[in-house]
C-alpha atoms as a PDB file:
ATOM      1  CA  UNK A   1     104.529 109.884 120.570  1.00  0.00           C
ATOM      2  CA  UNK A   2     107.813 108.319 119.534  1.00  0.00           C
ATOM      3  CA  UNK A   3     107.960 104.659 118.605  1.00  0.00           C
ATOM      4  CA  UNK A   4     110.732 102.373 117.425  1.00  0.00           C
ATOM      5  CA  UNK A   5     110.879 100.185 114.330  1.00  0.00           C
ATOM      6  CA  UNK A   6     113.244  97.227 113.941  1.00  0.00           C
ATOM      7  CA  UNK A   7     114.915  96.938 110.512  1.00  0.00           C
ATOM      8  CA  UNK A   8     115.317  93.222 109.845  1.00  0.00           C
ATOM      9  CA  UNK A   9     117.164  93.617 106.529  1.00  0.00           C
ATOM     10  CA  UNK A  10     119.706  96.134 107.842  1.00  0.00           C
ATOM     11  CA  UNK A  11     120.207  94.059 110.979  1.00  0.00           C
ATOM     12  CA  UNK A  12     121.113  91.020 108.892  1.00  0.00           C
ATOM     13  CA  UNK A  13     123.348  93.045 106.573  1.00  0.00           C
ATOM     14  CA  UNK A  14     125.316  94.745 109.390  1.00  0.00           C
ATOM     15  CA  UNK A  15     125.232  91.750 111.780  1.00  0.00           C
ATOM     16  CA  UNK A  16     123.828  93.922 114.550  1.00  0.00           C
ATOM     17  CA  UNK A  17     120.437  95.201 115.636  1.00  0.00           C
ATOM     18  CA  UNK A  18     119.262  98.247 113.680  1.00  0.00           C
ATOM     19  CA  UNK A  19     116.347 100.184 115.157  1.00  0.00           C
ATOM     20  CA  UNK A  20     114.885 103.454 113.880  1.00  0.00           C
ATOM     21  CA  UNK A  21     113.139 106.035 116.001  1.00  0.00           C
ATOM     22  CA  UNK A  22     109.813 106.961 114.392  1.00  0.00           C
ATOM     23  CA  UNK A  23     108.172 110.234 115.338  1.00  0.00           C
ATOM     24  CA  UNK A  24     104.459 109.727 114.753  1.00  0.00           C
ATOM     25  CA  UNK A  25     103.126 113.039 116.047  1.00  0.00           C
ATOM     26  CA  UNK A  26     100.598 114.713 113.720  1.00  0.00           C
ATOM     27  CA  UNK A  27     101.719 117.259 111.136  1.00  0.00           C
ATOM     28  CA  UNK A  28      99.847 120.561 110.711  1.00  0.00           C
ATOM     29  CA  UNK A  29      98.010 120.943 107.402  1.00  0.00           C
ATOM     30  CA  UNK A  30     100.174 123.921 106.368  1.00  0.00           C
ATOM     31  CA  UNK A  31     103.363 121.857 106.657  1.00  0.00           C
ATOM     32  CA  UNK A  32     101.789 118.972 104.713  1.00  0.00           C
ATOM     33  CA  UNK A  33     100.750 121.453 102.017  1.00  0.00           C
ATOM     34  CA  UNK A  34     104.317 122.796 101.846  1.00  0.00           C
ATOM     35  CA  UNK A  35     105.651 119.252 101.450  1.00  0.00           C
ATOM     36  CA  UNK A  36     103.163 118.577  98.640  1.00  0.00           C
ATOM     37  CA  UNK A  37     104.289 121.771  96.859  1.00  0.00           C
ATOM     38  CA  UNK A  38     107.897 120.587  97.029  1.00  0.00           C
ATOM     39  CA  UNK A  39     106.840 117.138  95.832  1.00  0.00           C
ATOM     40  CA  UNK A  40     104.998 118.770  92.927  1.00  0.00           C
ATOM     41  CA  UNK A  41     108.171 120.642  91.956  1.00  0.00           C
ATOM     42  CA  UNK A  42     109.751 117.378  90.753  1.00  0.00           C
ATOM     43  CA  UNK A  43     110.150 117.695  86.976  1.00  0.00           C
ATOM     44  CA  UNK A  44     111.148 114.145  86.056  1.00  0.00           C
ATOM     45  CA  UNK A  45     108.439 112.867  83.635  1.00  0.00           C
ATOM     46  CA  UNK A  46     108.404 109.281  84.951  1.00  0.00           C
ATOM     47  CA  UNK A  47     108.287 110.419  88.573  1.00  0.00           C
ATOM     48  CA  UNK A  48     105.426 112.821  87.735  1.00  0.00           C
ATOM     49  CA  UNK A  49     103.393 109.993  86.155  1.00  0.00           C
ATOM     50  CA  UNK A  50     103.988 107.675  89.112  1.00  0.00           C
ATOM     51  CA  UNK A  51     103.119 110.405  91.616  1.00  0.00           C
ATOM     52  CA  UNK A  52      99.905 111.091  89.702  1.00  0.00           C
ATOM     53  CA  UNK A  53      98.899 107.449  90.205  1.00  0.00           C
ATOM     54  CA  UNK A  54      99.647 107.615  93.947  1.00  0.00           C
ATOM     55  CA  UNK A  55      98.413 111.141  94.704  1.00  0.00           C
ATOM     56  CA  UNK A  56      95.452 109.957  96.794  1.00  0.00           C
ATOM     57  CA  UNK A  57      97.274 107.233  98.732  1.00  0.00           C
ATOM     58  CA  UNK A  58      96.710 107.581 102.460  1.00  0.00           C
ATOM     59  CA  UNK A  59      93.300 109.170 102.021  1.00  0.00           C
ATOM     60  CA  UNK A  60      91.397 105.897 101.840  1.00  0.00           C
ATOM     61  CA  UNK A  61      90.726 106.119  98.104  1.00  0.00           C
ATOM     62  CA  UNK A  62      94.258 105.834  96.706  1.00  0.00           C
ATOM     63  CA  UNK A  63      95.800 103.065  94.621  1.00  0.00           C
ATOM     64  CA  UNK A  64      97.581 101.547  97.652  1.00  0.00           C
ATOM     65  CA  UNK A  65      94.767 102.027 100.174  1.00  0.00           C
ATOM     66  CA  UNK A  66      92.608  99.291 101.603  1.00  0.00           C
ATOM     67  CA  UNK A  67      89.809 101.762 102.283  1.00  0.00           C
ATOM     68  CA  UNK A  68      90.547 101.941 106.015  1.00  0.00           C
ATOM     69  CA  UNK A  69      93.067 104.810 105.829  1.00  0.00           C
ATOM     70  CA  UNK A  70      90.555 107.663 105.813  1.00  0.00           C
ATOM     71  CA  UNK A  71      92.621 109.933 108.017  1.00  0.00           C
ATOM     72  CA  UNK A  72      92.593 113.743 108.076  1.00  0.00           C
ATOM     73  CA  UNK A  73      95.692 115.462 106.699  1.00  0.00           C
ATOM     74  CA  UNK A  74      96.546 116.937 110.095  1.00  0.00           C
ATOM     75  CA  UNK A  75      96.792 113.418 111.583  1.00  0.00           C
ATOM     76  CA  UNK A  76      99.087 111.947 108.909  1.00  0.00           C
ATOM     77  CA  UNK A  77     102.650 111.191 109.899  1.00  0.00           C
ATOM     78  CA  UNK A  78     104.193 110.284 106.539  1.00  0.00           C
ATOM     79  CA  UNK A  79     103.699 110.090 102.791  1.00  0.00           C
ATOM     80  CA  UNK A  80     100.573 108.242 101.689  1.00  0.00           C
ATOM     81  CA  UNK A  81     102.413 105.131 100.515  1.00  0.00           C
ATOM     82  CA  UNK A  82     105.848 103.608 100.108  1.00  0.00           C
ATOM     83  CA  UNK A  83     105.990 104.498  96.398  1.00  0.00           C
ATOM     84  CA  UNK A  84     105.526 108.202  97.107  1.00  0.00           C
ATOM     85  CA  UNK A  85     108.017 107.966  99.952  1.00  0.00           C
ATOM     86  CA  UNK A  86     110.682 106.407  97.705  1.00  0.00           C
ATOM     87  CA  UNK A  87     110.233 109.069  95.009  1.00  0.00           C
ATOM     88  CA  UNK A  88     110.303 111.881  97.576  1.00  0.00           C
ATOM     89  CA  UNK A  89     113.464 110.484  99.160  1.00  0.00           C
ATOM     90  CA  UNK A  90     115.162 110.107  95.764  1.00  0.00           C
ATOM     91  CA  UNK A  91     114.488 113.767  94.936  1.00  0.00           C
ATOM     92  CA  UNK A  92     115.311 115.022  98.452  1.00  0.00           C
ATOM     93  CA  UNK A  93     111.789 116.015  99.473  1.00  0.00           C
ATOM     94  CA  UNK A  94     111.249 115.417 103.197  1.00  0.00           C
ATOM     95  CA  UNK A  95     107.889 114.965 104.847  1.00  0.00           C
ATOM     96  CA  UNK A  96     107.469 117.816 107.348  1.00  0.00           C
ATOM     97  CA  UNK A  97     108.314 117.045 110.942  1.00  0.00           C
ATOM     98  CA  UNK A  98     105.694 117.413 113.619  1.00  0.00           C
ATOM     99  CA  UNK A  99     106.056 120.413 115.910  1.00  0.00           C
ATOM    100  CA  UNK A 100     107.957 119.790 119.137  1.00  0.00           C
ATOM    101  CA  UNK A 101     105.958 118.188 121.913  1.00  0.00           C
ATOM    102  CA  UNK A 102     104.844 120.616 124.606  1.00  0.00           C
ATOM    103  CA  UNK A 103     106.871 120.391 127.803  1.00  0.00           C
END
């Protein structure tokens, strides 16, 4: 299912409404595993240490989790936390897209 997210900061900066389309369909485990392999290919020492601290985020037992996020890998729609997302974006590692919705 596609949802929309309003970006307050960008809207103020550009003096117009900025809305992002968010695709929150589940990602197959194989695609998540491929994304994690690419994430693990980052060689920057600081990034590696930070990723090690946030490796379990999104599983319910990670540094950024409240304990309520116990969600199977196949149902996840993004990186486990914002920290991991920022590092992945900086190094050009995209989270795998969900397969197209059946017609």
